[in-house]
Amino acid sequence: MEQRTFGDTDLVTSAIGFGTWEMSTTMYGDLDVAEASKAVNMAIDAGITLMDTAEVYGPWHSERLLADALGSRRDEIVLVTKVGFRYEPEDPSADPVLSDNKGKDGTRDNIIKSAEGCLQRLKTDHIDLLLMHWPDHKTPIAETIGAFEELKQAGKIRHYGVSNYSVAMMEEANRHGKIATNQVGYHIYDQRMDADVLPWCGANNVGFMGYGTLGFGLLTGAFNAATTFPEGDWRAGGKMFELNQFQGDPLQNAIRATARLAQLADGYGKSVAQLAIAWALGNPALTVGLVGMRNEKELAENVAAADWRLTDDDRAAITTILDEEGVPTHRDSPQALG
């Protein structure tokens, strides 16, 4: 599988990363834990060398599940997790509840404490890449970055970065340290990052991790006009990071567009999910496209997309389909980061 480097760091990973949000057990409905664990090991065998998780996935469940699935193979991968939330109660035996400020807490003490918790749950002595999950507008970025620098100097993390940060936030972060990456949502139906975040990352030797590569299911072909989302599935609320894409006309338009994208992909003997992955990886400023893989079938399909290169005509055809089906790219929409 193609290997890519995070900016000017020594972090080199597969272009496709294994995303574990779907393994949270509480945010995407039911999960077959045995199948998910098997998929982790099969992903490594297939050449995927980056695993991405977060303390908030579950919360805490994904980190624990990933650690158990990795076992002795931890050093075969680049391990990424995210911090920046505060939980109450803080009893490790209790499921945490997000506190005020939407749970965001980028203070020095919380970052250090959260990182220690991640190390414990992930059963490792270091994290390769630790990210601030969402901006905390109540805490100076300098304080947050200072905590990451402290963890790096202590050898508990190799590199650090941010997630869901705007260009101005990244510039401020780099005044107090050196971020390795920004992780933000990016897929065919959400191209907001093309406006300035992705170009800035490319111009400033900062990696870019795109999450939601399959549009949180919209680009898998699994939905139809009668699709609804069960209780416990975050998509039941209709919105996806401030974009109304999972209910009403926006959902129906996307379903029609996806059906046409599937026809385009079928002309190459590929699936629409593979088309979505190839589209994201075709952006030279993107370092890693994160894809959720909960079982062997999904893994095999996603890995097969890694080496597919779309032509300019293919990308133009995708844009035409979106235009004709009334699906905006949102490239010019407010990014609503943080």
C-alpha atoms as a PDB file:
ATOM      1  CA  MET A   1       0.000   0.000   0.000  1.00  0.00           C
ATOM      2  CA  GLU A   2       1.127   3.544  -0.731  1.00  0.00           C
ATOM      3  CA  GLN A   3       3.021   5.184   2.124  1.00  0.00           C
ATOM      4  CA  ARG A   4       2.756   8.864   2.989  1.00  0.00           C
ATOM      5  CA  THR A   5       4.645  11.163   5.354  1.00  0.00           C
ATOM      6  CA  PHE A   6       3.166  13.625   7.832  1.00  0.00           C
ATOM      7  CA  GLY A   7       4.609  16.930   6.707  1.00  0.00           C
ATOM      8  CA  ASP A   8       8.280  17.215   7.650  1.00  0.00           C
ATOM      9  CA  THR A   9       8.119  14.634  10.466  1.00  0.00           C
ATOM     10  CA  ASP A  10       9.463  11.085  10.538  1.00  0.00           C
ATOM     11  CA  LEU A  11       5.924   9.657  10.713  1.00  0.00           C
ATOM     12  CA  VAL A  12       5.336   7.472   7.664  1.00  0.00           C
ATOM     13  CA  THR A  13       2.096   5.500   7.358  1.00  0.00           C
ATOM     14  CA  SER A  14      -0.263   3.872   4.910  1.00  0.00           C
ATOM     15  CA  ALA A  15      -2.469   6.237   2.906  1.00  0.00           C
ATOM     16  CA  ILE A  16      -5.542   4.527   4.358  1.00  0.00           C
ATOM     17  CA  GLY A  17      -5.933   4.678   8.120  1.00  0.00           C
ATOM     18  CA  PHE A  18      -8.120   2.438  10.264  1.00  0.00           C
ATOM     19  CA  GLY A  19     -10.741   4.592  11.988  1.00  0.00           C
ATOM     20  CA  THR A  20     -12.332   3.256  15.166  1.00  0.00           C
ATOM     21  CA  TRP A  21     -15.209   5.667  15.797  1.00  0.00           C
ATOM     22  CA  GLU A  22     -17.562   2.935  14.599  1.00  0.00           C
ATOM     23  CA  MET A  23     -16.053   0.647  17.238  1.00  0.00           C
ATOM     24  CA  SER A  24     -17.269   2.877  20.059  1.00  0.00           C
ATOM     25  CA  THR A  25     -20.221   0.497  20.767  1.00  0.00           C
ATOM     26  CA  THR A  26     -22.379   3.476  21.750  1.00  0.00           C
ATOM     27  CA  MET A  27     -22.448   5.815  18.737  1.00  0.00           C
ATOM     28  CA  TYR A  28     -23.194   3.621  15.721  1.00  0.00           C
ATOM     29  CA  GLY A  29     -25.592   1.110  17.214  1.00  0.00           C
ATOM     30  CA  ASP A  30     -24.775  -2.569  17.650  1.00  0.00           C
ATOM     31  CA  LEU A  31     -21.224  -3.804  17.126  1.00  0.00           C
ATOM     32  CA  ASP A  32     -19.859  -7.309  16.684  1.00  0.00           C
ATOM     33  CA  VAL A  33     -16.775  -6.943  18.886  1.00  0.00           C
ATOM     34  CA  ALA A  34     -15.217 -10.205  17.706  1.00  0.00           C
ATOM     35  CA  GLU A  35     -15.553  -9.176  14.054  1.00  0.00           C
ATOM     36  CA  ALA A  36     -14.158  -5.714  14.762  1.00  0.00           C
ATOM     37  CA  SER A  37     -11.149  -7.171  16.579  1.00  0.00           C
ATOM     38  CA  LYS A  38     -10.509  -9.548  13.709  1.00  0.00           C
ATOM     39  CA  ALA A  39     -10.676  -6.639  11.260  1.00  0.00           C
ATOM     40  CA  VAL A  40      -7.913  -4.814  13.162  1.00  0.00           C
ATOM     41  CA  ASN A  41      -5.472  -7.665  12.675  1.00  0.00           C
ATOM     42  CA  MET A  42      -6.485  -8.252   9.087  1.00  0.00           C
ATOM     43  CA  ALA A  43      -5.932  -4.552   8.398  1.00  0.00           C
ATOM     44  CA  ILE A  44      -2.346  -4.807   9.605  1.00  0.00           C
ATOM     45  CA  ASP A  45      -1.842  -7.899   7.458  1.00  0.00           C
ATOM     46  CA  ALA A  46      -3.189  -5.932   4.478  1.00  0.00           C
ATOM     47  CA  GLY A  47      -0.673  -3.126   4.959  1.00  0.00           C
ATOM     48  CA  ILE A  48      -2.660  -0.585   6.977  1.00  0.00           C
ATOM     49  CA  THR A  49      -0.194   0.875   9.457  1.00  0.00           C
ATOM     50  CA  LEU A  50      -2.193   3.662  11.130  1.00  0.00           C
ATOM     51  CA  MET A  51      -4.883   3.102  13.754  1.00  0.00           C
ATOM     52  CA  ASP A  52      -6.900   6.112  14.915  1.00  0.00           C
ATOM     53  CA  THR A  53      -8.997   6.250  18.070  1.00  0.00           C
ATOM     54  CA  ALA A  54     -10.008   8.718  20.808  1.00  0.00           C
ATOM     55  CA  GLU A  55     -10.892   8.772  24.471  1.00  0.00           C
ATOM     56  CA  VAL A  56     -14.359  10.098  23.601  1.00  0.00           C
ATOM     57  CA  TYR A  57     -15.233   7.146  21.366  1.00  0.00           C
ATOM     58  CA  GLY A  58     -17.532   5.264  23.653  1.00  0.00           C
ATOM     59  CA  PRO A  59     -16.277   7.035  25.732  1.00  0.00           C
ATOM     60  CA  TRP A  60     -13.157   4.945  26.320  1.00  0.00           C
ATOM     61  CA  HIS A  61     -14.535   1.769  24.724  1.00  0.00           C
ATOM     62  CA  SER A  62     -12.712   2.086  21.387  1.00  0.00           C
ATOM     63  CA  GLU A  63      -9.315   2.571  23.014  1.00  0.00           C
ATOM     64  CA  ARG A  64      -9.792  -0.523  25.153  1.00  0.00           C
ATOM     65  CA  LEU A  65     -11.108  -2.625  22.286  1.00  0.00           C
ATOM     66  CA  LEU A  66      -8.252  -1.527  20.019  1.00  0.00           C
ATOM     67  CA  ALA A  67      -5.629  -2.328  22.661  1.00  0.00           C
ATOM     68  CA  ASP A  68      -7.047  -5.808  23.159  1.00  0.00           C
ATOM     69  CA  ALA A  69      -7.224  -6.394  19.408  1.00  0.00           C
ATOM     70  CA  LEU A  70      -3.642  -5.245  18.821  1.00  0.00           C
ATOM     71  CA  GLY A  71      -2.120  -7.362  21.549  1.00  0.00           C
ATOM     72  CA  SER A  72       1.563  -7.886  20.761  1.00  0.00           C
ATOM     73  CA  ARG A  73       1.258  -6.092  17.404  1.00  0.00           C
ATOM     74  CA  ARG A  74       1.193  -2.595  18.879  1.00  0.00           C
ATOM     75  CA  ASP A  75       4.660  -1.708  17.529  1.00  0.00           C
ATOM     76  CA  GLU A  76       3.650  -2.640  13.983  1.00  0.00           C
ATOM     77  CA  ILE A  77       1.437   0.425  13.659  1.00  0.00           C
ATOM     78  CA  VAL A  78       1.340   4.183  14.148  1.00  0.00           C
ATOM     79  CA  LEU A  79      -1.043   4.681  17.062  1.00  0.00           C
ATOM     80  CA  VAL A  80      -3.138   7.853  17.056  1.00  0.00           C
ATOM     81  CA  THR A  81      -5.552   8.953  19.756  1.00  0.00           C
ATOM     82  CA  LYS A  82      -7.234  12.174  20.778  1.00  0.00           C
ATOM     83  CA  VAL A  83      -7.804  14.033  24.041  1.00  0.00           C
ATOM     84  CA  GLY A  84      -9.278  17.338  25.126  1.00  0.00           C
ATOM     85  CA  PHE A  85     -12.493  16.446  26.923  1.00  0.00           C
ATOM     86  CA  ARG A  86     -13.211  16.404  30.643  1.00  0.00           C
ATOM     87  CA  TYR A  87     -15.427  13.821  32.270  1.00  0.00           C
ATOM     88  CA  GLU A  88     -17.461  13.686  35.460  1.00  0.00           C
ATOM     89  CA  PRO A  89     -17.424  11.498  37.431  1.00  0.00           C
ATOM     90  CA  GLU A  90     -13.767  10.600  37.004  1.00  0.00           C
ATOM     91  CA  ASP A  91     -14.075   7.159  38.545  1.00  0.00           C
ATOM     92  CA  PRO A  92     -12.362   4.826  36.016  1.00  0.00           C
ATOM     93  CA  SER A  93     -15.035   2.204  36.673  1.00  0.00           C
ATOM     94  CA  ALA A  94     -17.849   4.551  35.648  1.00  0.00           C
ATOM     95  CA  ASP A  95     -18.925   5.671  32.206  1.00  0.00           C
ATOM     96  CA  PRO A  96     -17.923   9.344  32.063  1.00  0.00           C
ATOM     97  CA  VAL A  97     -20.395  12.109  31.340  1.00  0.00           C
ATOM     98  CA  LEU A  98     -19.376  15.213  29.426  1.00  0.00           C
ATOM     99  CA  SER A  99     -19.178  18.272  31.631  1.00  0.00           C
ATOM    100  CA  ASP A 100     -19.718  21.935  30.714  1.00  0.00           C
ATOM    101  CA  ASN A 101     -18.199  23.756  27.699  1.00  0.00           C
ATOM    102  CA  LYS A 102     -19.471  20.777  25.659  1.00  0.00           C
ATOM    103  CA  GLY A 103     -16.927  18.795  27.594  1.00  0.00           C
ATOM    104  CA  LYS A 104     -13.954  20.522  25.978  1.00  0.00           C
ATOM    105  CA  ASP A 105     -10.975  21.086  28.219  1.00  0.00           C
ATOM    106  CA  GLY A 106      -7.585  21.959  26.770  1.00  0.00           C
ATOM    107  CA  THR A 107      -6.009  22.997  30.059  1.00  0.00           C
ATOM    108  CA  ARG A 108      -2.552  21.715  30.858  1.00  0.00           C
ATOM    109  CA  ASP A 109      -3.680  19.549  33.754  1.00  0.00           C
ATOM    110  CA  ASN A 110      -6.500  17.904  31.811  1.00  0.00           C
ATOM    111  CA  ILE A 111      -4.326  17.172  28.769  1.00  0.00           C
ATOM    112  CA  ILE A 112      -1.642  15.541  30.922  1.00  0.00           C
ATOM    113  CA  LYS A 113      -4.194  13.556  32.914  1.00  0.00           C
ATOM    114  CA  SER A 114      -6.089  12.462  29.801  1.00  0.00           C
ATOM    115  CA  ALA A 115      -2.912  11.350  28.052  1.00  0.00           C
ATOM    116  CA  GLU A 116      -2.018   9.182  31.029  1.00  0.00           C
ATOM    117  CA  GLY A 117      -5.466   7.612  30.808  1.00  0.00           C
ATOM    118  CA  CYS A 118      -4.983   6.914  27.111  1.00  0.00           C
ATOM    119  CA  LEU A 119      -1.644   5.237  27.761  1.00  0.00           C
ATOM    120  CA  GLN A 120      -3.259   3.016  30.360  1.00  0.00           C
ATOM    121  CA  ARG A 121      -6.258   2.049  28.232  1.00  0.00           C
ATOM    122  CA  LEU A 122      -4.141   1.476  25.134  1.00  0.00           C
ATOM    123  CA  LYS A 123      -1.656  -0.614  27.131  1.00  0.00           C
ATOM    124  CA  THR A 124       1.381   1.180  25.757  1.00  0.00           C
ATOM    125  CA  ASP A 125       4.233   3.310  27.056  1.00  0.00           C
ATOM    126  CA  HIS A 126       3.969   5.884  24.281  1.00  0.00           C
ATOM    127  CA  ILE A 127       1.536   7.280  21.727  1.00  0.00           C
ATOM    128  CA  ASP A 128       2.877   7.985  18.262  1.00  0.00           C
ATOM    129  CA  LEU A 129       0.539  10.885  17.529  1.00  0.00           C
ATOM    130  CA  LEU A 130      -1.671  12.594  20.116  1.00  0.00           C
ATOM    131  CA  LEU A 131      -4.273  15.110  18.958  1.00  0.00           C
ATOM    132  CA  MET A 132      -6.335  17.836  20.601  1.00  0.00           C
ATOM    133  CA  HIS A 133      -9.770  16.586  19.529  1.00  0.00           C
ATOM    134  CA  TRP A 134     -11.672  19.883  19.370  1.00  0.00           C
ATOM    135  CA  PRO A 135     -10.652  23.472  20.102  1.00  0.00           C
ATOM    136  CA  ASP A 136     -11.328  24.663  23.632  1.00  0.00           C
ATOM    137  CA  HIS A 137     -12.139  28.337  23.223  1.00  0.00           C
ATOM    138  CA  LYS A 138     -11.896  28.925  26.968  1.00  0.00           C
ATOM    139  CA  THR A 139      -8.256  27.847  27.184  1.00  0.00           C
ATOM    140  CA  PRO A 140      -5.364  29.620  25.433  1.00  0.00           C
ATOM    141  CA  ILE A 141      -3.923  27.511  22.624  1.00  0.00           C
ATOM    142  CA  ALA A 142      -0.494  28.254  24.069  1.00  0.00           C
ATOM    143  CA  GLU A 143      -1.409  26.359  27.244  1.00  0.00           C
ATOM    144  CA  THR A 144      -2.734  23.371  25.301  1.00  0.00           C
ATOM    145  CA  ILE A 145       0.320  23.164  23.055  1.00  0.00           C
ATOM    146  CA  GLY A 146       2.569  23.582  26.077  1.00  0.00           C
ATOM    147  CA  ALA A 147       1.033  20.453  27.587  1.00  0.00           C
ATOM    148  CA  PHE A 148       1.671  18.493  24.399  1.00  0.00           C
ATOM    149  CA  GLU A 149       5.275  19.699  24.349  1.00  0.00           C
ATOM    150  CA  GLU A 150       5.634  18.545  27.946  1.00  0.00           C
ATOM    151  CA  LEU A 151       4.344  15.078  27.041  1.00  0.00           C
ATOM    152  CA  LYS A 152       6.696  14.922  24.074  1.00  0.00           C
ATOM    153  CA  GLN A 153       9.720  15.882  26.150  1.00  0.00           C
ATOM    154  CA  ALA A 154       8.774  13.160  28.638  1.00  0.00           C
ATOM    155  CA  GLY A 155       8.761  10.563  25.849  1.00  0.00           C
ATOM    156  CA  LYS A 156       5.084   9.761  26.309  1.00  0.00           C
ATOM    157  CA  ILE A 157       4.186  10.909  22.798  1.00  0.00           C
ATOM    158  CA  ARG A 158       6.284  11.070  19.634  1.00  0.00           C
ATOM    159  CA  HIS A 159       4.326  13.799  17.875  1.00  0.00           C
ATOM    160  CA  TYR A 160       1.215  15.868  18.456  1.00  0.00           C
ATOM    161  CA  GLY A 161      -1.370  17.620  16.376  1.00  0.00           C
ATOM    162  CA  VAL A 162      -4.884  19.006  16.345  1.00  0.00           C
ATOM    163  CA  SER A 163      -8.313  18.090  15.062  1.00  0.00           C
ATOM    164  CA  ASN A 164     -11.070  20.353  13.750  1.00  0.00           C
ATOM    165  CA  TYR A 165      -8.848  23.448  13.846  1.00  0.00           C
ATOM    166  CA  SER A 166      -9.168  26.402  11.482  1.00  0.00           C
ATOM    167  CA  VAL A 167      -6.187  27.983   9.732  1.00  0.00           C
ATOM    168  CA  ALA A 168      -6.002  30.759  12.336  1.00  0.00           C
ATOM    169  CA  MET A 169      -5.976  28.174  15.132  1.00  0.00           C
ATOM    170  CA  MET A 170      -3.224  26.161  13.453  1.00  0.00           C
ATOM    171  CA  GLU A 171      -1.131  29.277  12.971  1.00  0.00           C
ATOM    172  CA  GLU A 172      -1.513  30.094  16.662  1.00  0.00           C
ATOM    173  CA  ALA A 173      -0.595  26.520  17.615  1.00  0.00           C
ATOM    174  CA  ASN A 174       2.573  26.696  15.544  1.00  0.00           C
ATOM    175  CA  ARG A 175       3.624  29.867  17.306  1.00  0.00           C
ATOM    176  CA  HIS A 176       4.031  27.769  20.447  1.00  0.00           C
ATOM    177  CA  GLY A 177       5.201  24.447  19.009  1.00  0.00           C
ATOM    178  CA  LYS A 178       5.002  22.361  15.840  1.00  0.00           C
ATOM    179  CA  ILE A 179       1.872  20.423  15.000  1.00  0.00           C
ATOM    180  CA  ALA A 180       2.302  17.333  12.851  1.00  0.00           C
ATOM    181  CA  THR A 181      -1.244  17.216  11.496  1.00  0.00           C
ATOM    182  CA  ASN A 182      -4.799  18.475  11.531  1.00  0.00           C
ATOM    183  CA  GLN A 183      -7.602  15.902  11.422  1.00  0.00           C
ATOM    184  CA  VAL A 184     -10.850  17.182   9.917  1.00  0.00           C
ATOM    185  CA  GLY A 185     -13.873  15.749   8.113  1.00  0.00           C
ATOM    186  CA  TYR A 186     -13.354  15.442   4.357  1.00  0.00           C
ATOM    187  CA  HIS A 187     -15.285  13.530   1.723  1.00  0.00           C
ATOM    188  CA  ILE A 188     -17.124  13.979  -1.579  1.00  0.00           C
ATOM    189  CA  TYR A 189     -20.189  15.449   0.147  1.00  0.00           C
ATOM    190  CA  ASP A 190     -18.197  17.739   2.444  1.00  0.00           C
ATOM    191  CA  GLN A 191     -15.389  19.611   0.709  1.00  0.00           C
ATOM    192  CA  ARG A 192     -15.209  22.540   3.127  1.00  0.00           C
ATOM    193  CA  MET A 193     -11.559  21.889   3.878  1.00  0.00           C
ATOM    194  CA  ASP A 194     -10.599  22.567   0.260  1.00  0.00           C
ATOM    195  CA  ALA A 195     -11.297  26.262   0.845  1.00  0.00           C
ATOM    196  CA  ASP A 196      -8.237  26.952   2.985  1.00  0.00           C
ATOM    197  CA  VAL A 197      -7.405  24.275   5.581  1.00  0.00           C
ATOM    198  CA  LEU A 198      -6.057  21.691   3.141  1.00  0.00           C
ATOM    199  CA  PRO A 199      -4.086  24.225   1.060  1.00  0.00           C
ATOM    200  CA  TRP A 200      -2.599  25.688   4.255  1.00  0.00           C
ATOM    201  CA  CYS A 201      -1.528  22.268   5.491  1.00  0.00           C
ATOM    202  CA  GLY A 202       0.107  21.483   2.158  1.00  0.00           C
ATOM    203  CA  ALA A 203       1.949  24.803   2.069  1.00  0.00           C
ATOM    204  CA  ASN A 204       3.162  24.579   5.676  1.00  0.00           C
ATOM    205  CA  ASN A 205       4.373  20.966   5.872  1.00  0.00           C
ATOM    206  CA  VAL A 206       1.530  19.946   8.159  1.00  0.00           C
ATOM    207  CA  GLY A 207      -0.131  16.593   7.618  1.00  0.00           C
ATOM    208  CA  PHE A 208      -3.849  16.278   6.976  1.00  0.00           C
ATOM    209  CA  MET A 209      -5.966  13.375   8.164  1.00  0.00           C
ATOM    210  CA  GLY A 210      -9.405  13.251   6.602  1.00  0.00           C
ATOM    211  CA  TYR A 211     -12.110  11.528   8.628  1.00  0.00           C
ATOM    212  CA  GLY A 212     -15.518  10.477   7.338  1.00  0.00           C
ATOM    213  CA  THR A 213     -14.018   9.389   4.004  1.00  0.00           C
ATOM    214  CA  LEU A 214     -17.167   7.371   3.268  1.00  0.00           C
ATOM    215  CA  GLY A 215     -19.471  10.203   4.283  1.00  0.00           C
ATOM    216  CA  PHE A 216     -20.413   8.387   7.491  1.00  0.00           C
ATOM    217  CA  GLY A 217     -22.206   5.797   5.376  1.00  0.00           C
ATOM    218  CA  LEU A 218     -23.638   8.069   2.677  1.00  0.00           C
ATOM    219  CA  LEU A 219     -20.976   6.904   0.213  1.00  0.00           C
ATOM    220  CA  THR A 220     -21.301   3.178   0.820  1.00  0.00           C
ATOM    221  CA  GLY A 221     -24.487   2.571  -1.148  1.00  0.00           C
ATOM    222  CA  ALA A 222     -26.085   1.066   1.945  1.00  0.00           C
ATOM    223  CA  PHE A 223     -28.887   3.645   2.212  1.00  0.00           C
ATOM    224  CA  ASN A 224     -32.139   3.869   0.275  1.00  0.00           C
ATOM    225  CA  ALA A 225     -35.220   6.108   0.271  1.00  0.00           C
ATOM    226  CA  ALA A 226     -36.640   4.305   3.300  1.00  0.00           C
ATOM    227  CA  THR A 227     -33.477   4.478   5.410  1.00  0.00           C
ATOM    228  CA  THR A 228     -33.846   5.589   9.013  1.00  0.00           C
ATOM    229  CA  PHE A 229     -31.321   5.545  11.834  1.00  0.00           C
ATOM    230  CA  PRO A 230     -31.969   3.683  15.089  1.00  0.00           C
ATOM    231  CA  GLU A 231     -31.708   5.015  18.602  1.00  0.00           C
ATOM    232  CA  GLY A 232     -28.068   5.095  19.636  1.00  0.00           C
ATOM    233  CA  ASP A 233     -26.894   6.067  16.135  1.00  0.00           C
ATOM    234  CA  TRP A 234     -25.679   9.677  16.124  1.00  0.00           C
ATOM    235  CA  ARG A 235     -26.924  10.154  12.535  1.00  0.00           C
ATOM    236  CA  ALA A 236     -30.517   9.953  13.798  1.00  0.00           C
ATOM    237  CA  GLY A 237     -30.201  13.655  14.650  1.00  0.00           C
ATOM    238  CA  GLY A 238     -29.966  14.472  10.944  1.00  0.00           C
ATOM    239  CA  LYS A 239     -26.893  16.680  11.092  1.00  0.00           C
ATOM    240  CA  MET A 240     -23.284  15.902  10.321  1.00  0.00           C
ATOM    241  CA  PHE A 241     -20.917  18.493  11.750  1.00  0.00           C
ATOM    242  CA  GLU A 242     -23.345  21.375  11.151  1.00  0.00           C
ATOM    243  CA  LEU A 243     -24.440  20.049   7.743  1.00  0.00           C
ATOM    244  CA  ASN A 244     -27.987  18.740   7.408  1.00  0.00           C
ATOM    245  CA  GLN A 245     -27.255  15.554   5.453  1.00  0.00           C
ATOM    246  CA  PHE A 246     -29.092  12.723   7.186  1.00  0.00           C
ATOM    247  CA  GLN A 247     -32.741  13.670   6.876  1.00  0.00           C
ATOM    248  CA  GLY A 248     -35.261  15.108   4.421  1.00  0.00           C
ATOM    249  CA  ASP A 249     -34.325  16.291   0.946  1.00  0.00           C
ATOM    250  CA  PRO A 250     -30.555  16.448   1.596  1.00  0.00           C
ATOM    251  CA  LEU A 251     -30.534  12.742   2.474  1.00  0.00           C
ATOM    252  CA  GLN A 252     -32.706  11.761  -0.490  1.00  0.00           C
ATOM    253  CA  ASN A 253     -30.595  13.847  -2.889  1.00  0.00           C
ATOM    254  CA  ALA A 254     -27.428  12.223  -1.577  1.00  0.00           C
ATOM    255  CA  ILE A 255     -28.938   8.750  -1.963  1.00  0.00           C
ATOM    256  CA  ARG A 256     -29.731   9.463  -5.628  1.00  0.00           C
ATOM    257  CA  ALA A 257     -26.273  10.915  -6.215  1.00  0.00           C
ATOM    258  CA  THR A 258     -24.636   7.922  -4.565  1.00  0.00           C
ATOM    259  CA  ALA A 259     -26.548   5.580  -6.871  1.00  0.00           C
ATOM    260  CA  ARG A 260     -25.141   7.433  -9.878  1.00  0.00           C
ATOM    261  CA  LEU A 261     -21.650   7.472  -8.390  1.00  0.00           C
ATOM    262  CA  ALA A 262     -21.992   3.713  -7.982  1.00  0.00           C
ATOM    263  CA  GLN A 263     -22.681   3.417 -11.706  1.00  0.00           C
ATOM    264  CA  LEU A 264     -19.551   5.443 -12.436  1.00  0.00           C
ATOM    265  CA  ALA A 265     -17.491   3.193 -10.178  1.00  0.00           C
ATOM    266  CA  ASP A 266     -19.024   0.055 -11.653  1.00  0.00           C
ATOM    267  CA  GLY A 267     -17.591   1.028 -15.020  1.00  0.00           C
ATOM    268  CA  TYR A 268     -14.175   0.348 -13.489  1.00  0.00           C
ATOM    269  CA  GLY A 269     -15.285  -2.782 -11.678  1.00  0.00           C
ATOM    270  CA  LYS A 270     -15.193  -0.872  -8.383  1.00  0.00           C
ATOM    271  CA  SER A 271     -17.708  -0.014  -5.662  1.00  0.00           C
ATOM    272  CA  VAL A 272     -18.946   3.437  -4.718  1.00  0.00           C
ATOM    273  CA  ALA A 273     -17.071   3.158  -1.403  1.00  0.00           C
ATOM    274  CA  GLN A 274     -13.864   2.538  -3.330  1.00  0.00           C
ATOM    275  CA  LEU A 275     -14.639   5.561  -5.505  1.00  0.00           C
ATOM    276  CA  ALA A 276     -15.033   7.717  -2.383  1.00  0.00           C
ATOM    277  CA  ILE A 277     -11.706   6.537  -0.977  1.00  0.00           C
ATOM    278  CA  ALA A 278      -9.908   7.081  -4.283  1.00  0.00           C
ATOM    279  CA  TRP A 279     -11.399  10.573  -4.540  1.00  0.00           C
ATOM    280  CA  ALA A 280     -10.053  11.571  -1.118  1.00  0.00           C
ATOM    281  CA  LEU A 281      -6.632   9.992  -1.604  1.00  0.00           C
ATOM    282  CA  GLY A 282      -6.328  11.800  -4.926  1.00  0.00           C
ATOM    283  CA  ASN A 283      -5.784  15.097  -3.107  1.00  0.00           C
ATOM    284  CA  PRO A 284      -1.991  15.484  -2.803  1.00  0.00           C
ATOM    285  CA  ALA A 285      -2.340  17.550   0.393  1.00  0.00           C
ATOM    286  CA  LEU A 286      -4.095  14.676   2.180  1.00  0.00           C
ATOM    287  CA  THR A 287      -1.818  12.407   4.196  1.00  0.00           C
ATOM    288  CA  VAL A 288      -4.258   9.784   5.429  1.00  0.00           C
ATOM    289  CA  GLY A 289      -7.867   9.004   4.666  1.00  0.00           C
ATOM    290  CA  LEU A 290      -9.529   7.429   7.699  1.00  0.00           C
ATOM    291  CA  VAL A 291     -12.037   4.685   7.006  1.00  0.00           C
ATOM    292  CA  GLY A 292     -14.111   2.723   9.489  1.00  0.00           C
ATOM    293  CA  MET A 293     -13.917  -1.038   9.033  1.00  0.00           C
ATOM    294  CA  ARG A 294     -15.991  -3.172  11.362  1.00  0.00           C
ATOM    295  CA  ASN A 295     -15.627  -6.532   9.632  1.00  0.00           C
ATOM    296  CA  GLU A 296     -13.634  -8.560   7.103  1.00  0.00           C
ATOM    297  CA  LYS A 297     -15.856  -7.656   4.142  1.00  0.00           C
ATOM    298  CA  GLU A 298     -15.539  -3.908   4.685  1.00  0.00           C
ATOM    299  CA  LEU A 299     -11.794  -4.230   5.153  1.00  0.00           C
ATOM    300  CA  ALA A 300     -11.222  -6.108   1.898  1.00  0.00           C
ATOM    301  CA  GLU A 301     -13.315  -3.627  -0.062  1.00  0.00           C
ATOM    302  CA  ASN A 302     -11.603  -0.565   1.382  1.00  0.00           C
ATOM    303  CA  VAL A 303      -8.045  -1.820   0.994  1.00  0.00           C
ATOM    304  CA  ALA A 304      -8.684  -2.594  -2.673  1.00  0.00           C
ATOM    305  CA  ALA A 305      -9.246   1.123  -3.300  1.00  0.00           C
ATOM    306  CA  ALA A 306      -5.806   2.226  -2.136  1.00  0.00           C
ATOM    307  CA  ASP A 307      -4.089   2.089  -5.518  1.00  0.00           C
ATOM    308  CA  TRP A 308      -6.936   3.377  -7.687  1.00  0.00           C
ATOM    309  CA  ARG A 309      -6.147   6.728  -9.291  1.00  0.00           C
ATOM    310  CA  LEU A 310      -9.067   8.760 -10.594  1.00  0.00           C
ATOM    311  CA  THR A 311      -8.548  10.811 -13.745  1.00  0.00           C
ATOM    312  CA  ASP A 312      -9.420  14.484 -14.043  1.00  0.00           C
ATOM    313  CA  ASP A 313     -12.407  13.398 -16.145  1.00  0.00           C
ATOM    314  CA  ASP A 314     -13.548  11.083 -13.343  1.00  0.00           C
ATOM    315  CA  ARG A 315     -13.395  13.880 -10.799  1.00  0.00           C
ATOM    316  CA  ALA A 316     -15.253  16.211 -13.148  1.00  0.00           C
ATOM    317  CA  ALA A 317     -17.942  13.554 -13.636  1.00  0.00           C
ATOM    318  CA  ILE A 318     -18.359  13.303  -9.861  1.00  0.00           C
ATOM    319  CA  THR A 319     -18.859  17.061  -9.599  1.00  0.00           C
ATOM    320  CA  THR A 320     -21.417  16.968 -12.415  1.00  0.00           C
ATOM    321  CA  ILE A 321     -23.419  14.248 -10.668  1.00  0.00           C
ATOM    322  CA  LEU A 322     -23.537  16.264  -7.459  1.00  0.00           C
ATOM    323  CA  ASP A 323     -24.654  19.363  -9.336  1.00  0.00           C
ATOM    324  CA  GLU A 324     -27.405  17.532 -11.201  1.00  0.00           C
ATOM    325  CA  GLU A 325     -28.740  15.842  -8.066  1.00  0.00           C
ATOM    326  CA  GLY A 326     -28.721  19.005  -5.979  1.00  0.00           C
ATOM    327  CA  VAL A 327     -25.982  17.861  -3.600  1.00  0.00           C
ATOM    328  CA  PRO A 328     -23.709  20.772  -2.622  1.00  0.00           C
ATOM    329  CA  THR A 329     -19.998  20.261  -2.069  1.00  0.00           C
ATOM    330  CA  HIS A 330     -20.133  22.897   0.719  1.00  0.00           C
ATOM    331  CA  ARG A 331     -16.711  24.071  -0.434  1.00  0.00           C
ATOM    332  CA  ASP A 332     -17.769  27.677   0.098  1.00  0.00           C
ATOM    333  CA  SER A 333     -19.737  27.045   3.303  1.00  0.00           C
ATOM    334  CA  PRO A 334     -18.581  28.251   6.727  1.00  0.00           C
ATOM    335  CA  GLN A 335     -16.336  25.543   8.111  1.00  0.00           C
ATOM    336  CA  ALA A 336     -17.886  25.597  11.570  1.00  0.00           C
ATOM    337  CA  LEU A 337     -14.681  24.267  13.077  1.00  0.00           C
ATOM    338  CA  GLY A 338     -14.566  24.062  16.832  1.00  0.00           C
END
